[in-house]
Amino acid sequence: MSSYSDHLNDLSRERSHKETPGNTSSAVSETYLSHPVFGLLVNLCIIDMQSALYASLYAKRLFFLVTASNAGLEINNISRDNARVALEKRLAVLRKSGFNQDYEQLKGIYKNTFSG
């Protein structure tokens, strides 16, 4: 179990080095996390400086809020409705901020994930 904790801590450190206060773009470049029960999780979008929304890779029916802190990563499952609302809020922030490219990319992810 400690190797999994070490892995999460390494991911947390890598993430904190890559993100700067001005770098809150929701552009996704295929970021994955390995969950011990649910397998690979794919990043849907960055919510804020400390958290991101992930979904199960294959079905995209299970959603997780991943929060980074000094203690490591905390992975909490959330409902489909809560995930949809979180993504909609992020879309609104991007639209108001004028990040048009990020907005269009996230809008495509939203449609692919929550349509049908």
N, C-alpha and C. Protein backbone atom coordinates (compact mmCIF):
# COMPACT_ATOMS: atom_id res chain seq x y z
N MET A 1 0.83 -1.20 0.00
CA MET A 1 0.00 0.00 0.00
C MET A 1 0.87 1.25 0.00
N SER A 2 2.04 1.18 0.63
CA SER A 2 2.88 2.36 0.67
C SER A 2 3.37 2.75 -0.72
N SER A 3 3.56 1.78 -1.61
CA SER A 3 4.00 2.13 -2.96
C SER A 3 2.93 2.95 -3.68
N TYR A 4 1.66 2.65 -3.44
CA TYR A 4 0.57 3.43 -4.04
C TYR A 4 0.58 4.85 -3.48
N SER A 5 0.77 4.99 -2.17
CA SER A 5 0.86 6.32 -1.56
C SER A 5 2.05 7.09 -2.12
N ASP A 6 3.17 6.40 -2.28
CA ASP A 6 4.35 7.06 -2.85
C ASP A 6 4.06 7.52 -4.27
N HIS A 7 3.36 6.70 -5.04
CA HIS A 7 3.02 7.05 -6.42
C HIS A 7 2.13 8.30 -6.44
N LEU A 8 1.13 8.35 -5.57
CA LEU A 8 0.26 9.52 -5.51
C LEU A 8 1.02 10.77 -5.09
N ASN A 9 1.94 10.61 -4.15
CA ASN A 9 2.73 11.76 -3.72
C ASN A 9 3.60 12.27 -4.86
N ASP A 10 4.20 11.35 -5.64
CA ASP A 10 5.01 11.76 -6.79
C ASP A 10 4.17 12.50 -7.80
N LEU A 11 2.95 12.01 -8.08
CA LEU A 11 2.06 12.69 -9.01
C LEU A 11 1.71 14.08 -8.51
N SER A 12 1.47 14.19 -7.21
CA SER A 12 1.13 15.46 -6.62
C SER A 12 2.27 16.46 -6.78
N ARG A 13 3.50 16.00 -6.52
CA ARG A 13 4.66 16.87 -6.67
C ARG A 13 4.85 17.30 -8.12
N GLU A 14 4.71 16.36 -9.06
CA GLU A 14 4.84 16.69 -10.48
C GLU A 14 3.80 17.72 -10.88
N ARG A 15 2.58 17.55 -10.42
CA ARG A 15 1.50 18.47 -10.77
C ARG A 15 1.78 19.86 -10.22
N SER A 16 2.27 19.94 -8.98
CA SER A 16 2.50 21.25 -8.38
C SER A 16 3.64 21.98 -9.08
N HIS A 17 4.61 21.25 -9.65
CA HIS A 17 5.70 21.90 -10.37
C HIS A 17 5.24 22.38 -11.75
N LYS A 18 4.30 21.70 -12.35
CA LYS A 18 3.84 22.05 -13.69
C LYS A 18 2.85 23.20 -13.68
N GLU A 19 2.10 23.36 -12.61
CA GLU A 19 1.07 24.39 -12.57
C GLU A 19 1.59 25.64 -11.90
N THR A 20 1.32 26.75 -12.53
CA THR A 20 1.65 28.04 -11.96
C THR A 20 0.34 28.80 -11.78
N PRO A 21 0.32 29.87 -11.00
CA PRO A 21 -0.94 30.57 -10.78
C PRO A 21 -1.65 30.98 -12.07
N GLY A 22 -0.94 31.31 -13.11
CA GLY A 22 -1.58 31.71 -14.36
C GLY A 22 -1.92 30.53 -15.26
N ASN A 23 -1.52 29.34 -14.86
CA ASN A 23 -1.71 28.16 -15.70
C ASN A 23 -2.88 27.32 -15.21
N THR A 24 -4.09 27.84 -15.32
CA THR A 24 -5.27 27.09 -14.91
C THR A 24 -6.08 26.66 -16.12
N SER A 25 -5.42 26.53 -17.25
CA SER A 25 -6.07 26.09 -18.48
C SER A 25 -6.68 24.72 -18.28
N SER A 26 -7.87 24.52 -18.83
CA SER A 26 -8.51 23.22 -18.69
C SER A 26 -8.14 22.29 -19.84
N ALA A 27 -7.21 22.71 -20.68
CA ALA A 27 -6.80 21.86 -21.79
C ALA A 27 -6.26 20.56 -21.25
N VAL A 28 -6.73 19.47 -21.81
CA VAL A 28 -6.36 18.15 -21.32
C VAL A 28 -5.41 17.52 -22.31
N SER A 29 -4.31 17.02 -21.79
CA SER A 29 -3.35 16.33 -22.65
C SER A 29 -3.23 14.89 -22.18
N GLU A 30 -4.36 14.19 -22.16
CA GLU A 30 -4.41 12.77 -21.82
C GLU A 30 -3.66 12.46 -20.53
N THR A 31 -4.16 12.95 -19.43
CA THR A 31 -3.58 12.68 -18.13
C THR A 31 -4.37 11.56 -17.47
N TYR A 32 -3.65 10.56 -16.95
CA TYR A 32 -4.29 9.40 -16.35
C TYR A 32 -3.83 9.22 -14.91
N LEU A 33 -4.70 8.63 -14.11
CA LEU A 33 -4.35 8.17 -12.77
C LEU A 33 -4.74 6.71 -12.68
N SER A 34 -3.98 5.96 -11.93
CA SER A 34 -4.32 4.56 -11.72
C SER A 34 -4.98 4.41 -10.35
N HIS A 35 -6.23 3.98 -10.35
CA HIS A 35 -6.99 3.78 -9.12
C HIS A 35 -6.93 2.29 -8.78
N PRO A 36 -6.71 1.93 -7.52
CA PRO A 36 -6.57 0.52 -7.17
C PRO A 36 -7.82 -0.33 -7.39
N VAL A 37 -8.99 0.29 -7.40
CA VAL A 37 -10.24 -0.45 -7.58
C VAL A 37 -10.84 -0.23 -8.96
N PHE A 38 -10.84 1.01 -9.43
CA PHE A 38 -11.54 1.36 -10.66
C PHE A 38 -10.64 1.41 -11.89
N GLY A 39 -9.38 1.11 -11.75
CA GLY A 39 -8.47 1.09 -12.90
C GLY A 39 -8.04 2.48 -13.32
N LEU A 40 -7.82 2.63 -14.62
CA LEU A 40 -7.34 3.92 -15.13
C LEU A 40 -8.45 4.96 -15.14
N LEU A 41 -8.09 6.15 -14.68
CA LEU A 41 -8.98 7.30 -14.70
C LEU A 41 -8.38 8.33 -15.64
N VAL A 42 -9.21 8.94 -16.46
CA VAL A 42 -8.75 9.95 -17.41
C VAL A 42 -9.21 11.33 -16.96
N ASN A 43 -8.33 12.31 -17.11
CA ASN A 43 -8.64 13.67 -16.72
C ASN A 43 -9.63 14.28 -17.71
N LEU A 44 -10.74 14.78 -17.19
CA LEU A 44 -11.71 15.50 -18.03
C LEU A 44 -11.38 16.98 -18.05
N CYS A 45 -11.12 17.56 -16.87
CA CYS A 45 -10.76 18.97 -16.82
C CYS A 45 -10.18 19.33 -15.46
N ILE A 46 -9.45 20.42 -15.47
CA ILE A 46 -8.95 21.01 -14.23
C ILE A 46 -10.06 21.89 -13.68
N ILE A 47 -10.39 21.70 -12.43
CA ILE A 47 -11.44 22.52 -11.80
C ILE A 47 -10.85 23.81 -11.25
N ASP A 48 -9.77 23.70 -10.50
CA ASP A 48 -9.05 24.85 -9.96
C ASP A 48 -7.61 24.44 -9.70
N MET A 49 -6.87 25.24 -8.98
CA MET A 49 -5.44 24.96 -8.76
C MET A 49 -5.18 23.68 -7.98
N GLN A 50 -6.15 23.22 -7.19
CA GLN A 50 -5.94 22.04 -6.37
C GLN A 50 -6.73 20.82 -6.83
N SER A 51 -7.68 20.96 -7.72
CA SER A 51 -8.53 19.82 -8.03
C SER A 51 -8.81 19.68 -9.52
N ALA A 52 -9.13 18.44 -9.89
CA ALA A 52 -9.45 18.11 -11.28
C ALA A 52 -10.54 17.06 -11.29
N LEU A 53 -11.26 17.02 -12.39
CA LEU A 53 -12.33 16.05 -12.57
C LEU A 53 -11.82 14.91 -13.45
N TYR A 54 -11.98 13.69 -12.97
CA TYR A 54 -11.56 12.49 -13.70
C TYR A 54 -12.77 11.58 -13.90
N ALA A 55 -12.67 10.72 -14.91
CA ALA A 55 -13.70 9.71 -15.17
C ALA A 55 -13.02 8.38 -15.41
N SER A 56 -13.75 7.29 -15.19
CA SER A 56 -13.20 5.98 -15.50
C SER A 56 -12.92 5.93 -16.99
N LEU A 57 -11.81 5.36 -17.38
CA LEU A 57 -11.35 5.43 -18.76
C LEU A 57 -12.29 4.75 -19.74
N TYR A 58 -12.72 3.55 -19.44
CA TYR A 58 -13.43 2.77 -20.44
C TYR A 58 -14.91 3.14 -20.54
N ALA A 59 -15.61 3.23 -19.46
CA ALA A 59 -17.04 3.49 -19.52
C ALA A 59 -17.37 4.98 -19.41
N LYS A 60 -16.51 5.75 -18.79
CA LYS A 60 -16.76 7.16 -18.49
C LYS A 60 -18.11 7.34 -17.81
N ARG A 61 -18.43 6.41 -16.92
CA ARG A 61 -19.68 6.46 -16.16
C ARG A 61 -19.42 6.75 -14.68
N LEU A 62 -18.18 6.54 -14.24
CA LEU A 62 -17.81 6.81 -12.85
C LEU A 62 -16.95 8.06 -12.84
N PHE A 63 -17.25 8.97 -11.92
CA PHE A 63 -16.56 10.25 -11.89
C PHE A 63 -15.89 10.46 -10.54
N PHE A 64 -14.75 11.15 -10.57
CA PHE A 64 -13.93 11.34 -9.39
C PHE A 64 -13.41 12.77 -9.34
N LEU A 65 -13.45 13.35 -8.14
CA LEU A 65 -12.83 14.64 -7.91
C LEU A 65 -11.49 14.36 -7.24
N VAL A 66 -10.42 14.74 -7.89
CA VAL A 66 -9.06 14.48 -7.39
C VAL A 66 -8.51 15.80 -6.89
N THR A 67 -8.15 15.83 -5.61
CA THR A 67 -7.66 17.04 -4.98
C THR A 67 -6.22 16.83 -4.52
N ALA A 68 -5.34 17.75 -4.89
CA ALA A 68 -3.93 17.68 -4.50
C ALA A 68 -3.71 18.55 -3.26
N SER A 69 -2.94 18.01 -2.34
CA SER A 69 -2.56 18.77 -1.15
C SER A 69 -1.14 18.37 -0.78
N ASN A 70 -0.63 18.95 0.28
CA ASN A 70 0.71 18.59 0.74
C ASN A 70 0.78 17.13 1.18
N ALA A 71 -0.34 16.58 1.59
CA ALA A 71 -0.38 15.18 2.04
C ALA A 71 -0.47 14.20 0.87
N GLY A 72 -0.72 14.68 -0.34
CA GLY A 72 -0.83 13.80 -1.51
C GLY A 72 -2.12 14.07 -2.25
N LEU A 73 -2.56 13.08 -3.01
CA LEU A 73 -3.80 13.20 -3.76
C LEU A 73 -4.93 12.52 -3.02
N GLU A 74 -6.08 13.17 -3.02
CA GLU A 74 -7.29 12.59 -2.45
C GLU A 74 -8.26 12.36 -3.60
N ILE A 75 -8.73 11.12 -3.74
CA ILE A 75 -9.62 10.75 -4.83
C ILE A 75 -10.98 10.43 -4.24
N ASN A 76 -11.98 11.24 -4.58
CA ASN A 76 -13.35 11.04 -4.09
C ASN A 76 -14.29 10.82 -5.26
N ASN A 77 -15.11 9.77 -5.16
CA ASN A 77 -16.09 9.57 -6.22
C ASN A 77 -17.24 10.56 -6.05
N ILE A 78 -17.77 11.04 -7.18
CA ILE A 78 -18.90 11.96 -7.17
C ILE A 78 -19.94 11.45 -8.17
N SER A 79 -21.14 11.92 -8.01
CA SER A 79 -22.22 11.47 -8.90
C SER A 79 -22.04 12.07 -10.30
N ARG A 80 -22.71 11.47 -11.25
CA ARG A 80 -22.69 11.96 -12.63
C ARG A 80 -23.24 13.39 -12.69
N ASP A 81 -24.30 13.66 -11.95
CA ASP A 81 -24.89 15.00 -11.93
C ASP A 81 -23.92 16.03 -11.36
N ASN A 82 -23.23 15.67 -10.26
CA ASN A 82 -22.27 16.59 -9.67
C ASN A 82 -21.09 16.83 -10.60
N ALA A 83 -20.66 15.79 -11.32
CA ALA A 83 -19.58 15.94 -12.29
C ALA A 83 -20.01 16.87 -13.42
N ARG A 84 -21.24 16.69 -13.91
CA ARG A 84 -21.76 17.54 -14.97
C ARG A 84 -21.82 19.00 -14.53
N VAL A 85 -22.29 19.24 -13.31
CA VAL A 85 -22.38 20.60 -12.79
C VAL A 85 -20.99 21.21 -12.64
N ALA A 86 -20.03 20.44 -12.14
CA ALA A 86 -18.65 20.95 -11.99
C ALA A 86 -18.06 21.33 -13.34
N LEU A 87 -18.30 20.51 -14.35
CA LEU A 87 -17.80 20.80 -15.69
C LEU A 87 -18.50 22.02 -16.28
N GLU A 88 -19.80 22.14 -16.05
CA GLU A 88 -20.54 23.32 -16.53
C GLU A 88 -20.02 24.60 -15.88
N LYS A 89 -19.71 24.54 -14.59
CA LYS A 89 -19.16 25.72 -13.90
C LYS A 89 -17.82 26.11 -14.49
N ARG A 90 -16.98 25.09 -14.80
CA ARG A 90 -15.67 25.37 -15.40
C ARG A 90 -15.85 25.98 -16.79
N LEU A 91 -16.82 25.48 -17.55
CA LEU A 91 -17.11 26.06 -18.86
C LEU A 91 -17.49 27.53 -18.74
N ALA A 92 -18.32 27.85 -17.75
CA ALA A 92 -18.74 29.24 -17.54
C ALA A 92 -17.55 30.13 -17.21
N VAL A 93 -16.64 29.64 -16.37
CA VAL A 93 -15.45 30.41 -16.01
C VAL A 93 -14.60 30.68 -17.25
N LEU A 94 -14.39 29.64 -18.06
CA LEU A 94 -13.58 29.81 -19.27
C LEU A 94 -14.23 30.77 -20.26
N ARG A 95 -15.54 30.67 -20.40
CA ARG A 95 -16.26 31.56 -21.33
C ARG A 95 -16.12 33.01 -20.89
N LYS A 96 -16.30 33.26 -19.59
CA LYS A 96 -16.21 34.63 -19.06
C LYS A 96 -14.79 35.16 -19.11
N SER A 97 -13.80 34.27 -18.98
CA SER A 97 -12.40 34.68 -18.95
C SER A 97 -11.82 34.91 -20.34
N GLY A 98 -12.52 34.44 -21.36
CA GLY A 98 -12.04 34.65 -22.72
C GLY A 98 -11.06 33.60 -23.22
N PHE A 99 -10.97 32.47 -22.55
CA PHE A 99 -10.10 31.38 -23.01
C PHE A 99 -10.87 30.57 -24.04
N ASN A 100 -11.00 31.11 -25.25
CA ASN A 100 -11.86 30.51 -26.26
C ASN A 100 -11.43 29.12 -26.69
N GLN A 101 -10.14 28.91 -26.89
CA GLN A 101 -9.66 27.59 -27.33
C GLN A 101 -9.93 26.54 -26.25
N ASP A 102 -9.62 26.87 -25.00
CA ASP A 102 -9.88 25.95 -23.90
C ASP A 102 -11.37 25.70 -23.73
N TYR A 103 -12.16 26.75 -23.92
CA TYR A 103 -13.61 26.63 -23.81
C TYR A 103 -14.15 25.66 -24.86
N GLU A 104 -13.71 25.82 -26.09
CA GLU A 104 -14.20 24.94 -27.17
C GLU A 104 -13.77 23.50 -26.95
N GLN A 105 -12.54 23.30 -26.48
CA GLN A 105 -12.05 21.95 -26.21
C GLN A 105 -12.87 21.31 -25.09
N LEU A 106 -13.12 22.05 -24.02
CA LEU A 106 -13.87 21.51 -22.90
C LEU A 106 -15.34 21.30 -23.27
N LYS A 107 -15.87 22.15 -24.13
CA LYS A 107 -17.24 21.96 -24.60
C LYS A 107 -17.37 20.64 -25.36
N GLY A 108 -16.36 20.30 -26.14
CA GLY A 108 -16.35 19.01 -26.85
C GLY A 108 -16.28 17.85 -25.88
N ILE A 109 -15.47 17.97 -24.85
CA ILE A 109 -15.38 16.92 -23.82
C ILE A 109 -16.73 16.77 -23.12
N TYR A 110 -17.37 17.90 -22.83
CA TYR A 110 -18.68 17.89 -22.18
C TYR A 110 -19.69 17.13 -23.04
N LYS A 111 -19.75 17.46 -24.32
CA LYS A 111 -20.70 16.80 -25.22
C LYS A 111 -20.42 15.30 -25.33
N ASN A 112 -19.16 14.93 -25.46
CA ASN A 112 -18.79 13.51 -25.58
C ASN A 112 -19.11 12.72 -24.31
N THR A 113 -18.95 13.37 -23.18
CA THR A 113 -19.12 12.69 -21.89
C THR A 113 -20.57 12.62 -21.45
N PHE A 114 -21.33 13.69 -21.63
CA PHE A 114 -22.67 13.77 -21.06
C PHE A 114 -23.80 13.70 -22.06
N SER A 115 -23.52 13.53 -23.32
CA SER A 115 -24.58 13.36 -24.32
C SER A 115 -24.87 11.89 -24.49
N GLY A 116 -26.12 11.56 -24.44
CA GLY A 116 -26.53 10.17 -24.71
C GLY A 116 -26.60 9.33 -23.56
